[in-house]
Amino acid sequence: MELGAFSVSLSVKDIAASREFYEKLGFRPVGGDPDQNWQIFRNGEVTIGLFHGMFEGNILTFNPGWNSQARSVDKFTDIRELQRRLKEQGLKMTAEADESGSGPASFMMLDPDGNALLFDQHV
């Protein structure tokens, strides 16, 4: 089962301080808007998002339909199909995608330790 591009969405206390820290590690901004309290950074194939005041805790994020450079791919498993397969395996969602729709959608779940996973399709 292909889950798409992977990133970690970090809930930060001070986006400017976090930005400075991650830039020292070699991360460079590739998207987002720090004036809106979020920004996306990349270092090679590694992507992180910095988010201030948008959610609690950190989130493992998967983007079906995207590669690691946030570019659309031709062939991918639609988010609704991923959700159906995971539910068939007995996994519970904390937020669900409308399975009758198409295009962009998302769903969320928690792992056994309470870590949030976001499956967020933009295409």
PDB file of N, CA and C in Angstrom:
ATOM      1  N   MET A   1       0.852  -1.172   0.000  1.00  0.00           N
ATOM      2  CA  MET A   1       0.000   0.000   0.000  1.00  0.00           C
ATOM      3  C   MET A   1       0.900   1.237   0.000  1.00  0.00           C
ATOM      4  N   GLU A   2       0.812   2.042  -1.029  1.00  0.00           N
ATOM      5  CA  GLU A   2       1.611   3.263  -1.164  1.00  0.00           C
ATOM      6  C   GLU A   2       0.904   4.394  -0.434  1.00  0.00           C
ATOM      7  N   LEU A   3       1.597   5.038   0.519  1.00  0.00           N
ATOM      8  CA  LEU A   3       0.994   6.087   1.333  1.00  0.00           C
ATOM      9  C   LEU A   3       1.290   7.491   0.830  1.00  0.00           C
ATOM     10  N   GLY A   4       2.233   7.628  -0.100  1.00  0.00           N
ATOM     11  CA  GLY A   4       2.570   8.939  -0.631  1.00  0.00           C
ATOM     12  C   GLY A   4       3.751   9.567   0.084  1.00  0.00           C
ATOM     13  N   ALA A   5       3.960  10.850  -0.165  1.00  0.00           N
ATOM     14  CA  ALA A   5       5.072  11.586   0.436  1.00  0.00           C
ATOM     15  C   ALA A   5       4.914  11.607   1.950  1.00  0.00           C
ATOM     16  N   PHE A   6       6.043  11.578   2.654  1.00  0.00           N
ATOM     17  CA  PHE A   6       6.028  11.588   4.115  1.00  0.00           C
ATOM     18  C   PHE A   6       6.694  12.848   4.635  1.00  0.00           C
ATOM     19  N   SER A   7       6.110  13.415   5.671  1.00  0.00           N
ATOM     20  CA  SER A   7       6.718  14.534   6.378  1.00  0.00           C
ATOM     21  C   SER A   7       6.277  14.481   7.832  1.00  0.00           C
ATOM     22  N   VAL A   8       6.957  15.261   8.636  1.00  0.00           N
ATOM     23  CA  VAL A   8       6.574  15.403  10.035  1.00  0.00           C
ATOM     24  C   VAL A   8       6.083  16.830  10.225  1.00  0.00           C
ATOM     25  N   SER A   9       4.894  16.956  10.778  1.00  0.00           N
ATOM     26  CA  SER A   9       4.324  18.270  11.064  1.00  0.00           C
ATOM     27  C   SER A   9       4.571  18.556  12.539  1.00  0.00           C
ATOM     28  N   LEU A  10       5.383  19.568  12.805  1.00  0.00           N
ATOM     29  CA  LEU A  10       5.786  19.887  14.169  1.00  0.00           C
ATOM     30  C   LEU A  10       4.965  21.055  14.718  1.00  0.00           C
ATOM     31  N   SER A  11       4.406  20.870  15.893  1.00  0.00           N
ATOM     32  CA  SER A  11       3.729  21.943  16.602  1.00  0.00           C
ATOM     33  C   SER A  11       4.804  22.721  17.357  1.00  0.00           C
ATOM     34  N   VAL A  12       5.038  23.975  16.974  1.00  0.00           N
ATOM     35  CA  VAL A  12       6.135  24.748  17.548  1.00  0.00           C
ATOM     36  C   VAL A  12       5.610  25.903  18.405  1.00  0.00           C
ATOM     37  N   LYS A  13       6.403  26.294  19.393  1.00  0.00           N
ATOM     38  CA  LYS A  13       6.037  27.394  20.291  1.00  0.00           C
ATOM     39  C   LYS A  13       6.379  28.751  19.696  1.00  0.00           C
ATOM     40  N   ASP A  14       7.469  28.815  18.923  1.00  0.00           N
ATOM     41  CA  ASP A  14       7.945  30.072  18.350  1.00  0.00           C
ATOM     42  C   ASP A  14       8.460  29.763  16.948  1.00  0.00           C
ATOM     43  N   ILE A  15       7.684  30.127  15.937  1.00  0.00           N
ATOM     44  CA  ILE A  15       8.036  29.742  14.570  1.00  0.00           C
ATOM     45  C   ILE A  15       9.350  30.371  14.128  1.00  0.00           C
ATOM     46  N   ALA A  16       9.642  31.584  14.556  1.00  0.00           N
ATOM     47  CA  ALA A  16      10.912  32.221  14.168  1.00  0.00           C
ATOM     48  C   ALA A  16      12.097  31.476  14.766  1.00  0.00           C
ATOM     49  N   ALA A  17      12.003  31.099  16.034  1.00  0.00           N
ATOM     50  CA  ALA A  17      13.096  30.361  16.678  1.00  0.00           C
ATOM     51  C   ALA A  17      13.262  28.984  16.045  1.00  0.00           C
ATOM     52  N   SER A  18      12.148  28.322  15.734  1.00  0.00           N
ATOM     53  CA  SER A  18      12.216  27.001  15.106  1.00  0.00           C
ATOM     54  C   SER A  18      12.793  27.106  13.701  1.00  0.00           C
ATOM     55  N   ARG A  19      12.376  28.118  12.979  1.00  0.00           N
ATOM     56  CA  ARG A  19      12.903  28.339  11.625  1.00  0.00           C
ATOM     57  C   ARG A  19      14.424  28.502  11.677  1.00  0.00           C
ATOM     58  N   GLU A  20      14.912  29.340  12.578  1.00  0.00           N
ATOM     59  CA  GLU A  20      16.352  29.576  12.719  1.00  0.00           C
ATOM     60  C   GLU A  20      17.083  28.279  13.068  1.00  0.00           C
ATOM     61  N   PHE A  21      16.524  27.504  13.977  1.00  0.00           N
ATOM     62  CA  PHE A  21      17.138  26.237  14.383  1.00  0.00           C
ATOM     63  C   PHE A  21      17.257  25.280  13.197  1.00  0.00           C
ATOM     64  N   TYR A  22      16.152  25.059  12.481  1.00  0.00           N
ATOM     65  CA  TYR A  22      16.168  24.099  11.379  1.00  0.00           C
ATOM     66  C   TYR A  22      16.988  24.582  10.192  1.00  0.00           C
ATOM     67  N   GLU A  23      17.062  25.874   9.986  1.00  0.00           N
ATOM     68  CA  GLU A  23      17.938  26.385   8.925  1.00  0.00           C
ATOM     69  C   GLU A  23      19.400  26.093   9.250  1.00  0.00           C
ATOM     70  N   LYS A  24      19.771  26.137  10.532  1.00  0.00           N
ATOM     71  CA  LYS A  24      21.141  25.794  10.931  1.00  0.00           C
ATOM     72  C   LYS A  24      21.446  24.324  10.667  1.00  0.00           C
ATOM     73  N   LEU A  25      20.408  23.491  10.623  1.00  0.00           N
ATOM     74  CA  LEU A  25      20.571  22.070  10.295  1.00  0.00           C
ATOM     75  C   LEU A  25      20.581  21.831   8.785  1.00  0.00           C
ATOM     76  N   GLY A  26      20.428  22.884   8.010  1.00  0.00           N
ATOM     77  CA  GLY A  26      20.461  22.753   6.559  1.00  0.00           C
ATOM     78  C   GLY A  26      19.105  22.709   5.890  1.00  0.00           C
ATOM     79  N   PHE A  27      18.032  22.879   6.631  1.00  0.00           N
ATOM     80  CA  PHE A  27      16.696  22.910   6.030  1.00  0.00           C
ATOM     81  C   PHE A  27      16.470  24.275   5.390  1.00  0.00           C
ATOM     82  N   ARG A  28      15.762  24.271   4.252  1.00  0.00           N
ATOM     83  CA  ARG A  28      15.452  25.501   3.534  1.00  0.00           C
ATOM     84  C   ARG A  28      13.947  25.582   3.313  1.00  0.00           C
ATOM     85  N   PRO A  29      13.370  26.795   3.406  1.00  0.00           N
ATOM     86  CA  PRO A  29      11.925  26.939   3.201  1.00  0.00           C
ATOM     87  C   PRO A  29      11.533  26.623   1.759  1.00  0.00           C
ATOM     88  N   VAL A  30      10.435  25.881   1.602  1.00  0.00           N
ATOM     89  CA  VAL A  30       9.938  25.535   0.273  1.00  0.00           C
ATOM     90  C   VAL A  30       8.455  25.854   0.113  1.00  0.00           C
ATOM     91  N   GLY A  31       7.819  26.314   1.170  1.00  0.00           N
ATOM     92  CA  GLY A  31       6.402  26.623   1.082  1.00  0.00           C
ATOM     93  C   GLY A  31       5.870  27.157   2.390  1.00  0.00           C
ATOM     94  N   GLY A  32       4.619  27.562   2.355  1.00  0.00           N
ATOM     95  CA  GLY A  32       3.979  28.074   3.551  1.00  0.00           C
ATOM     96  C   GLY A  32       4.193  29.559   3.724  1.00  0.00           C
ATOM     97  N   ASP A  33       3.725  30.072   4.852  1.00  0.00           N
ATOM     98  CA  ASP A  33       3.796  31.493   5.128  1.00  0.00           C
ATOM     99  C   ASP A  33       3.992  31.699   6.621  1.00  0.00           C
ATOM    100  N   PRO A  34       5.195  32.095   7.049  1.00  0.00           N
ATOM    101  CA  PRO A  34       5.432  32.281   8.482  1.00  0.00           C
ATOM    102  C   PRO A  34       4.518  33.349   9.093  1.00  0.00           C
ATOM    103  N   ASP A  35       4.032  34.301   8.290  1.00  0.00           N
ATOM    104  CA  ASP A  35       3.089  35.301   8.808  1.00  0.00           C
ATOM    105  C   ASP A  35       1.736  34.681   9.136  1.00  0.00           C
ATOM    106  N   GLN A  36       1.466  33.504   8.554  1.00  0.00           N
ATOM    107  CA  GLN A  36       0.246  32.758   8.868  1.00  0.00           C
ATOM    108  C   GLN A  36       0.542  31.626   9.847  1.00  0.00           C
ATOM    109  N   ASN A  37       1.739  31.634  10.430  1.00  0.00           N
ATOM    110  CA  ASN A  37       2.162  30.679  11.464  1.00  0.00           C
ATOM    111  C   ASN A  37       2.401  29.264  10.958  1.00  0.00           C
ATOM    112  N   TRP A  38       2.789  29.122   9.697  1.00  0.00           N
ATOM    113  CA  TRP A  38       3.185  27.797   9.201  1.00  0.00           C
ATOM    114  C   TRP A  38       4.183  27.954   8.066  1.00  0.00           C
ATOM    115  N   GLN A  39       5.097  26.988   7.988  1.00  0.00           N
ATOM    116  CA  GLN A  39       6.078  26.989   6.916  1.00  0.00           C
ATOM    117  C   GLN A  39       6.601  25.568   6.722  1.00  0.00           C
ATOM    118  N   ILE A  40       6.875  25.229   5.461  1.00  0.00           N
ATOM    119  CA  ILE A  40       7.390  23.915   5.097  1.00  0.00           C
ATOM    120  C   ILE A  40       8.868  24.049   4.748  1.00  0.00           C
ATOM    121  N   PHE A  41       9.682  23.095   5.251  1.00  0.00           N
ATOM    122  CA  PHE A  41      11.123  23.104   5.028  1.00  0.00           C
ATOM    123  C   PHE A  41      11.563  21.762   4.468  1.00  0.00           C
ATOM    124  N   ARG A  42      12.638  21.797   3.701  1.00  0.00           N
ATOM    125  CA  ARG A  42      13.177  20.568   3.137  1.00  0.00           C
ATOM    126  C   ARG A  42      14.694  20.580   3.245  1.00  0.00           C
ATOM    127  N   ASN A  43      15.227  19.398   3.494  1.00  0.00           N
ATOM    128  CA  ASN A  43      16.670  19.148   3.451  1.00  0.00           C
ATOM    129  C   ASN A  43      16.825  17.849   2.682  1.00  0.00           C
ATOM    130  N   GLY A  44      17.219  17.934   1.412  1.00  0.00           N
ATOM    131  CA  GLY A  44      17.280  16.739   0.572  1.00  0.00           C
ATOM    132  C   GLY A  44      15.886  16.170   0.392  1.00  0.00           C
ATOM    133  N   GLU A  45      15.711  14.920   0.754  1.00  0.00           N
ATOM    134  CA  GLU A  45      14.414  14.251   0.625  1.00  0.00           C
ATOM    135  C   GLU A  45      13.563  14.371   1.891  1.00  0.00           C
ATOM    136  N   VAL A  46      14.094  15.028   2.929  1.00  0.00           N
ATOM    137  CA  VAL A  46      13.402  15.133   4.220  1.00  0.00           C
ATOM    138  C   VAL A  46      12.574  16.414   4.252  1.00  0.00           C
ATOM    139  N   THR A  47      11.299  16.276   4.601  1.00  0.00           N
ATOM    140  CA  THR A  47      10.394  17.417   4.679  1.00  0.00           C
ATOM    141  C   THR A  47       9.805  17.509   6.076  1.00  0.00           C
ATOM    142  N   ILE A  48       9.808  18.732   6.619  1.00  0.00           N
ATOM    143  CA  ILE A  48       9.148  18.999   7.891  1.00  0.00           C
ATOM    144  C   ILE A  48       8.269  20.225   7.714  1.00  0.00           C
ATOM    145  N   GLY A  49       7.215  20.284   8.485  1.00  0.00           N
ATOM    146  CA  GLY A  49       6.373  21.467   8.526  1.00  0.00           C
ATOM    147  C   GLY A  49       6.414  22.034   9.929  1.00  0.00           C
ATOM    148  N   LEU A  50       6.528  23.346  10.039  1.00  0.00           N
ATOM    149  CA  LEU A  50       6.477  24.032  11.328  1.00  0.00           C
ATOM    150  C   LEU A  50       5.128  24.732  11.420  1.00  0.00           C
ATOM    151  N   PHE A  51       4.392  24.460  12.483  1.00  0.00           N
ATOM    152  CA  PHE A  51       3.048  25.000  12.644  1.00  0.00           C
ATOM    153  C   PHE A  51       2.911  25.562  14.059  1.00  0.00           C
ATOM    154  N   HIS A  52       2.564  26.831  14.156  1.00  0.00           N
ATOM    155  CA  HIS A  52       2.381  27.463  15.456  1.00  0.00           C
ATOM    156  C   HIS A  52       0.893  27.698  15.725  1.00  0.00           C
ATOM    157  N   GLY A  53       0.402  27.125  16.823  1.00  0.00           N
ATOM    158  CA  GLY A  53      -0.967  27.370  17.248  1.00  0.00           C
ATOM    159  C   GLY A  53      -2.044  26.696  16.423  1.00  0.00           C
ATOM    160  N   MET A  54      -1.700  25.717  15.612  1.00  0.00           N
ATOM    161  CA  MET A  54      -2.695  25.079  14.741  1.00  0.00           C
ATOM    162  C   MET A  54      -3.180  23.735  15.266  1.00  0.00           C
ATOM    163  N   PHE A  55      -2.347  23.035  16.033  1.00  0.00           N
ATOM    164  CA  PHE A  55      -2.721  21.747  16.608  1.00  0.00           C
ATOM    165  C   PHE A  55      -1.770  21.447  17.748  1.00  0.00           C
ATOM    166  N   GLU A  56      -2.152  20.503  18.601  1.00  0.00           N
ATOM    167  CA  GLU A  56      -1.290  20.083  19.695  1.00  0.00           C
ATOM    168  C   GLU A  56      -0.528  18.830  19.297  1.00  0.00           C
ATOM    169  N   GLY A  57       0.708  18.723  19.738  1.00  0.00           N
ATOM    170  CA  GLY A  57       1.501  17.542  19.444  1.00  0.00           C
ATOM    171  C   GLY A  57       1.988  17.547  18.008  1.00  0.00           C
ATOM    172  N   ASN A  58       2.826  16.600  17.716  1.00  0.00           N
ATOM    173  CA  ASN A  58       3.388  16.446  16.376  1.00  0.00           C
ATOM    174  C   ASN A  58       2.584  15.414  15.597  1.00  0.00           C
ATOM    175  N   ILE A  59       2.604  15.527  14.280  1.00  0.00           N
ATOM    176  CA  ILE A  59       1.798  14.651  13.426  1.00  0.00           C
ATOM    177  C   ILE A  59       2.676  14.048  12.336  1.00  0.00           C
ATOM    178  N   LEU A  60       2.561  12.732  12.143  1.00  0.00           N
ATOM    179  CA  LEU A  60       3.177  12.064  10.998  1.00  0.00           C
ATOM    180  C   LEU A  60       2.224  12.274   9.822  1.00  0.00           C
ATOM    181  N   THR A  61       2.719  12.843   8.741  1.00  0.00           N
ATOM    182  CA  THR A  61       1.851  13.211   7.627  1.00  0.00           C
ATOM    183  C   THR A  61       2.219  12.434   6.371  1.00  0.00           C
ATOM    184  N   PHE A  62       1.197  11.890   5.707  1.00  0.00           N
ATOM    185  CA  PHE A  62       1.364  11.182   4.442  1.00  0.00           C
ATOM    186  C   PHE A  62       0.500  11.889   3.402  1.00  0.00           C
ATOM    187  N   ASN A  63       1.060  12.115   2.221  1.00  0.00           N
ATOM    188  CA  ASN A  63       0.338  12.800   1.151  1.00  0.00           C
ATOM    189  C   ASN A  63       0.220  11.914  -0.083  1.00  0.00           C
ATOM    190  N   PRO A  64      -0.865  11.123  -0.187  1.00  0.00           N
ATOM    191  CA  PRO A  64      -1.083  10.331  -1.402  1.00  0.00           C
ATOM    192  C   PRO A  64      -1.151  11.248  -2.618  1.00  0.00           C
ATOM    193  N   GLY A  65      -0.541  10.810  -3.710  1.00  0.00           N
ATOM    194  CA  GLY A  65      -0.567  11.581  -4.946  1.00  0.00           C
ATOM    195  C   GLY A  65       0.600  12.526  -5.110  1.00  0.00           C
ATOM    196  N   TRP A  66       1.457  12.609  -4.093  1.00  0.00           N
ATOM    197  CA  TRP A  66       2.643  13.462  -4.164  1.00  0.00           C
ATOM    198  C   TRP A  66       3.902  12.641  -4.003  1.00  0.00           C
ATOM    199  N   ASN A  67       4.999  13.127  -4.615  1.00  0.00           N
ATOM    200  CA  ASN A  67       6.313  12.556  -4.341  1.00  0.00           C
ATOM    201  C   ASN A  67       6.965  13.383  -3.229  1.00  0.00           C
ATOM    202  N   SER A  68       8.207  13.083  -2.878  1.00  0.00           N
ATOM    203  CA  SER A  68       8.870  13.763  -1.771  1.00  0.00           C
ATOM    204  C   SER A  68       9.157  15.237  -2.044  1.00  0.00           C
ATOM    205  N   GLN A  69       8.994  15.663  -3.285  1.00  0.00           N
ATOM    206  CA  GLN A  69       9.191  17.075  -3.634  1.00  0.00           C
ATOM    207  C   GLN A  69       7.849  17.810  -3.783  1.00  0.00           C
ATOM    208  N   ALA A  70       6.773  17.197  -3.277  1.00  0.00           N
ATOM    209  CA  ALA A  70       5.418  17.767  -3.331  1.00  0.00           C
ATOM    210  C   ALA A  70       4.944  17.978  -4.761  1.00  0.00           C
ATOM    211  N   ARG A  71       5.378  17.079  -5.652  1.00  0.00           N
ATOM    212  CA  ARG A  71       4.916  17.115  -7.034  1.00  0.00           C
ATOM    213  C   ARG A  71       3.941  15.964  -7.251  1.00  0.00           C
ATOM    214  N   SER A  72       2.920  16.226  -8.027  1.00  0.00           N
ATOM    215  CA  SER A  72       1.925  15.193  -8.309  1.00  0.00           C
ATOM    216  C   SER A  72       2.546  14.020  -9.049  1.00  0.00           C
ATOM    217  N   VAL A  73       2.075  12.830  -8.732  1.00  0.00           N
ATOM    218  CA  VAL A  73       2.495  11.624  -9.435  1.00  0.00           C
ATOM    219  C   VAL A  73       1.305  11.107 -10.237  1.00  0.00           C
ATOM    220  N   ASP A  74       1.597  10.407 -11.324  1.00  0.00           N
ATOM    221  CA  ASP A  74       0.534   9.923 -12.195  1.00  0.00           C
ATOM    222  C   ASP A  74      -0.285   8.808 -11.558  1.00  0.00           C
ATOM    223  N   LYS A  75       0.404   7.898 -10.897  1.00  0.00           N
ATOM    224  CA  LYS A  75      -0.252   6.712 -10.362  1.00  0.00           C
ATOM    225  C   LYS A  75      -0.124   6.699  -8.841  1.00  0.00           C
ATOM    226  N   PHE A  76      -1.260   6.611  -8.149  1.00  0.00           N
ATOM    227  CA  PHE A  76      -1.243   6.535  -6.696  1.00  0.00           C
ATOM    228  C   PHE A  76      -2.560   5.953  -6.199  1.00  0.00           C
ATOM    229  N   THR A  77      -2.557   5.510  -4.957  1.00  0.00           N
ATOM    230  CA  THR A  77      -3.766   4.982  -4.338  1.00  0.00           C
ATOM    231  C   THR A  77      -4.539   6.155  -3.737  1.00  0.00           C
ATOM    232  N   ASP A  78      -5.767   6.335  -4.184  1.00  0.00           N
ATOM    233  CA  ASP A  78      -6.613   7.424  -3.705  1.00  0.00           C
ATOM    234  C   ASP A  78      -6.840   7.309  -2.200  1.00  0.00           C
ATOM    235  N   ILE A  79      -6.976   8.442  -1.562  1.00  0.00           N
ATOM    236  CA  ILE A  79      -7.141   8.515  -0.111  1.00  0.00           C
ATOM    237  C   ILE A  79      -8.341   7.701   0.378  1.00  0.00           C
ATOM    238  N   ARG A  80      -9.416   7.687  -0.392  1.00  0.00           N
ATOM    239  CA  ARG A  80     -10.615   6.938   0.010  1.00  0.00           C
ATOM    240  C   ARG A  80     -10.347   5.433  -0.019  1.00  0.00           C
ATOM    241  N   GLU A  81      -9.547   4.982  -0.992  1.00  0.00           N
ATOM    242  CA  GLU A  81      -9.174   3.568  -1.059  1.00  0.00           C
ATOM    243  C   GLU A  81      -8.264   3.214   0.122  1.00  0.00           C
ATOM    244  N   LEU A  82      -7.313   4.081   0.449  1.00  0.00           N
ATOM    245  CA  LEU A  82      -6.456   3.839   1.616  1.00  0.00           C
ATOM    246  C   LEU A  82      -7.302   3.709   2.883  1.00  0.00           C
ATOM    247  N   GLN A  83      -8.231   4.632   3.052  1.00  0.00           N
ATOM    248  CA  GLN A  83      -9.100   4.606   4.235  1.00  0.00           C
ATOM    249  C   GLN A  83      -9.887   3.309   4.302  1.00  0.00           C
ATOM    250  N   ARG A  84     -10.481   2.902   3.172  1.00  0.00           N
ATOM    251  CA  ARG A  84     -11.262   1.652   3.141  1.00  0.00           C
ATOM    252  C   ARG A  84     -10.384   0.455   3.533  1.00  0.00           C
ATOM    253  N   ARG A  85      -9.184   0.374   2.959  1.00  0.00           N
ATOM    254  CA  ARG A  85      -8.284  -0.749   3.256  1.00  0.00           C
ATOM    255  C   ARG A  85      -7.890  -0.780   4.731  1.00  0.00           C
ATOM    256  N   LEU A  86      -7.592   0.378   5.288  1.00  0.00           N
ATOM    257  CA  LEU A  86      -7.188   0.431   6.694  1.00  0.00           C
ATOM    258  C   LEU A  86      -8.355   0.070   7.617  1.00  0.00           C
ATOM    259  N   LYS A  87      -9.551   0.540   7.286  1.00  0.00           N
ATOM    260  CA  LYS A  87     -10.729   0.189   8.080  1.00  0.00           C
ATOM    261  C   LYS A  87     -11.013  -1.311   7.994  1.00  0.00           C
ATOM    262  N   GLU A  88     -10.815  -1.901   6.819  1.00  0.00           N
ATOM    263  CA  GLU A  88     -11.013  -3.349   6.652  1.00  0.00           C
ATOM    264  C   GLU A  88     -10.065  -4.144   7.540  1.00  0.00           C
ATOM    265  N   GLN A  89      -8.910  -3.546   7.872  1.00  0.00           N
ATOM    266  CA  GLN A  89      -7.943  -4.201   8.752  1.00  0.00           C
ATOM    267  C   GLN A  89      -8.230  -3.921  10.223  1.00  0.00           C
ATOM    268  N   GLY A  90      -9.347  -3.263  10.495  1.00  0.00           N
ATOM    269  CA  GLY A  90      -9.759  -3.021  11.868  1.00  0.00           C
ATOM    270  C   GLY A  90      -9.233  -1.742  12.491  1.00  0.00           C
ATOM    271  N   LEU A  91      -8.594  -0.886  11.696  1.00  0.00           N
ATOM    272  CA  LEU A  91      -8.078   0.366  12.240  1.00  0.00           C
ATOM    273  C   LEU A  91      -9.205   1.388  12.339  1.00  0.00           C
ATOM    274  N   LYS A  92      -9.139   2.213  13.366  1.00  0.00           N
ATOM    275  CA  LYS A  92     -10.163   3.226  13.623  1.00  0.00           C
ATOM    276  C   LYS A  92      -9.646   4.596  13.227  1.00  0.00           C
ATOM    277  N   MET A  93     -10.512   5.396  12.639  1.00  0.00           N
ATOM    278  CA  MET A  93     -10.172   6.756  12.238  1.00  0.00           C
ATOM    279  C   MET A  93     -10.671   7.729  13.306  1.00  0.00           C
ATOM    280  N   THR A  94      -9.930   8.827  13.507  1.00  0.00           N
ATOM    281  CA  THR A  94     -10.413   9.894  14.387  1.00  0.00           C
ATOM    282  C   THR A  94     -11.126  10.970  13.579  1.00  0.00           C
ATOM    283  N   ALA A  95     -10.869  11.014  12.288  1.00  0.00           N
ATOM    284  CA  ALA A  95     -11.576  11.870  11.332  1.00  0.00           C
ATOM    285  C   ALA A  95     -11.539  11.128  10.008  1.00  0.00           C
ATOM    286  N   GLU A  96     -12.651  11.148   9.283  1.00  0.00           N
ATOM    287  CA  GLU A  96     -12.738  10.362   8.051  1.00  0.00           C
ATOM    288  C   GLU A  96     -12.948  11.221   6.817  1.00  0.00           C
ATOM    289  N   ALA A  97     -12.446  10.719   5.693  1.00  0.00           N
ATOM    290  CA  ALA A  97     -12.705  11.315   4.383  1.00  0.00           C
ATOM    291  C   ALA A  97     -14.073  10.822   3.902  1.00  0.00           C
ATOM    292  N   ASP A  98     -14.771  11.659   3.173  1.00  0.00           N
ATOM    293  CA  ASP A  98     -16.033  11.266   2.553  1.00  0.00           C
ATOM    294  C   ASP A  98     -15.713  10.304   1.422  1.00  0.00           C
ATOM    295  N   GLU A  99     -16.100   9.053   1.588  1.00  0.00           N
ATOM    296  CA  GLU A  99     -15.740   8.023   0.610  1.00  0.00           C
ATOM    297  C   GLU A  99     -16.501   8.153  -0.704  1.00  0.00           C
ATOM    298  N   SER A 100     -17.516   8.995  -0.760  1.00  0.00           N
ATOM    299  CA  SER A 100     -18.262   9.153  -2.007  1.00  0.00           C
ATOM    300  C   SER A 100     -17.671  10.257  -2.885  1.00  0.00           C
ATOM    301  N   GLY A 101     -16.706  11.004  -2.371  1.00  0.00           N
ATOM    302  CA  GLY A 101     -16.137  12.116  -3.117  1.00  0.00           C
ATOM    303  C   GLY A 101     -14.968  11.706  -3.991  1.00  0.00           C
ATOM    304  N   SER A 102     -14.286  12.716  -4.532  1.00  0.00           N
ATOM    305  CA  SER A 102     -13.067  12.510  -5.313  1.00  0.00           C
ATOM    306  C   SER A 102     -12.178  13.727  -5.108  1.00  0.00           C
ATOM    307  N   GLY A 103     -10.916  13.584  -5.494  1.00  0.00           N
ATOM    308  CA  GLY A 103      -9.982  14.693  -5.357  1.00  0.00           C
ATOM    309  C   GLY A 103      -9.476  14.857  -3.937  1.00  0.00           C
ATOM    310  N   PRO A 104      -9.134  16.098  -3.549  1.00  0.00           N
ATOM    311  CA  PRO A 104      -8.554  16.341  -2.234  1.00  0.00           C
ATOM    312  C   PRO A 104      -9.458  15.878  -1.089  1.00  0.00           C
ATOM    313  N   ALA A 105      -8.822  15.270  -0.085  1.00  0.00           N
ATOM    314  CA  ALA A 105      -9.532  14.814   1.109  1.00  0.00           C
ATOM    315  C   ALA A 105      -8.483  14.390   2.131  1.00  0.00           C
ATOM    316  N   SER A 106      -8.945  14.142   3.353  1.00  0.00           N
ATOM    317  CA  SER A 106      -8.008  13.697   4.386  1.00  0.00           C
ATOM    318  C   SER A 106      -8.733  12.838   5.413  1.00  0.00           C
ATOM    319  N   PHE A 107      -7.933  12.058   6.134  1.00  0.00           N
ATOM    320  CA  PHE A 107      -8.423  11.351   7.308  1.00  0.00           C
ATOM    321  C   PHE A 107      -7.290  11.269   8.312  1.00  0.00           C
ATOM    322  N   MET A 108      -7.675  11.018   9.568  1.00  0.00           N
ATOM    323  CA  MET A 108      -6.679  10.938  10.638  1.00  0.00           C
ATOM    324  C   MET A 108      -6.927   9.695  11.472  1.00  0.00           C
ATOM    325  N   MET A 109      -5.845   9.247  12.124  1.00  0.00           N
ATOM    326  CA  MET A 109      -5.923   8.119  13.039  1.00  0.00           C
ATOM    327  C   MET A 109      -4.826   8.279  14.078  1.00  0.00           C
ATOM    328  N   LEU A 110      -4.884   7.466  15.116  1.00  0.00           N
ATOM    329  CA  LEU A 110      -3.853   7.436  16.143  1.00  0.00           C
ATOM    330  C   LEU A 110      -3.190   6.074  16.137  1.00  0.00           C
ATOM    331  N   ASP A 111      -1.877   6.046  16.360  1.00  0.00           N
ATOM    332  CA  ASP A 111      -1.196   4.758  16.510  1.00  0.00           C
ATOM    333  C   ASP A 111      -1.404   4.266  17.945  1.00  0.00           C
ATOM    334  N   PRO A 112      -0.958   3.062  18.285  1.00  0.00           N
ATOM    335  CA  PRO A 112      -1.208   2.526  19.628  1.00  0.00           C
ATOM    336  C   PRO A 112      -0.655   3.388  20.765  1.00  0.00           C
ATOM    337  N   ASP A 113       0.310   4.263  20.476  1.00  0.00           N
ATOM    338  CA  ASP A 113       0.883   5.126  21.504  1.00  0.00           C
ATOM    339  C   ASP A 113       0.262   6.517  21.525  1.00  0.00           C
ATOM    340  N   GLY A 114      -0.763   6.739  20.715  1.00  0.00           N
ATOM    341  CA  GLY A 114      -1.442   8.024  20.695  1.00  0.00           C
ATOM    342  C   GLY A 114      -0.836   9.041  19.750  1.00  0.00           C
ATOM    343  N   ASN A 115       0.124   8.635  18.922  1.00  0.00           N
ATOM    344  CA  ASN A 115       0.697   9.539  17.928  1.00  0.00           C
ATOM    345  C   ASN A 115      -0.286   9.731  16.774  1.00  0.00           C
ATOM    346  N   ALA A 116      -0.474  10.965  16.372  1.00  0.00           N
ATOM    347  CA  ALA A 116      -1.423  11.276  15.305  1.00  0.00           C
ATOM    348  C   ALA A 116      -0.794  11.026  13.933  1.00  0.00           C
ATOM    349  N   LEU A 117      -1.581  10.431  13.038  1.00  0.00           N
ATOM    350  CA  LEU A 117      -1.208  10.237  11.637  1.00  0.00           C
ATOM    351  C   LEU A 117      -2.256  10.942  10.796  1.00  0.00           C
ATOM    352  N   LEU A 118      -1.788  11.805   9.905  1.00  0.00           N
ATOM    353  CA  LEU A 118      -2.659  12.509   8.980  1.00  0.00           C
ATOM    354  C   LEU A 118      -2.378  12.016   7.577  1.00  0.00           C
ATOM    355  N   PHE A 119      -3.424  11.605   6.891  1.00  0.00           N
ATOM    356  CA  PHE A 119      -3.347  11.211   5.487  1.00  0.00           C
ATOM    357  C   PHE A 119      -4.069  12.334   4.736  1.00  0.00           C
ATOM    358  N   ASP A 120      -3.326  13.114   3.968  1.00  0.00           N
ATOM    359  CA  ASP A 120      -3.831  14.363   3.415  1.00  0.00           C
ATOM    360  C   ASP A 120      -3.523  14.427   1.919  1.00  0.00           C
ATOM    361  N   GLN A 121      -4.542  14.175   1.102  1.00  0.00           N
ATOM    362  CA  GLN A 121      -4.386  14.161  -0.352  1.00  0.00           C
ATOM    363  C   GLN A 121      -4.768  15.527  -0.902  1.00  0.00           C
ATOM    364  N   HIS A 122      -3.858  16.149  -1.663  1.00  0.00           N
ATOM    365  CA  HIS A 122      -4.084  17.476  -2.221  1.00  0.00           C
ATOM    366  C   HIS A 122      -4.479  17.445  -3.694  1.00  0.00           C
ATOM    367  N   VAL A 123      -4.415  16.288  -4.334  1.00  0.00           N
ATOM    368  CA  VAL A 123      -4.722  16.208  -5.773  1.00  0.00           C
ATOM    369  C   VAL A 123      -5.979  15.394  -6.009  1.00  0.00           C
TER     370      VAL A 123
END
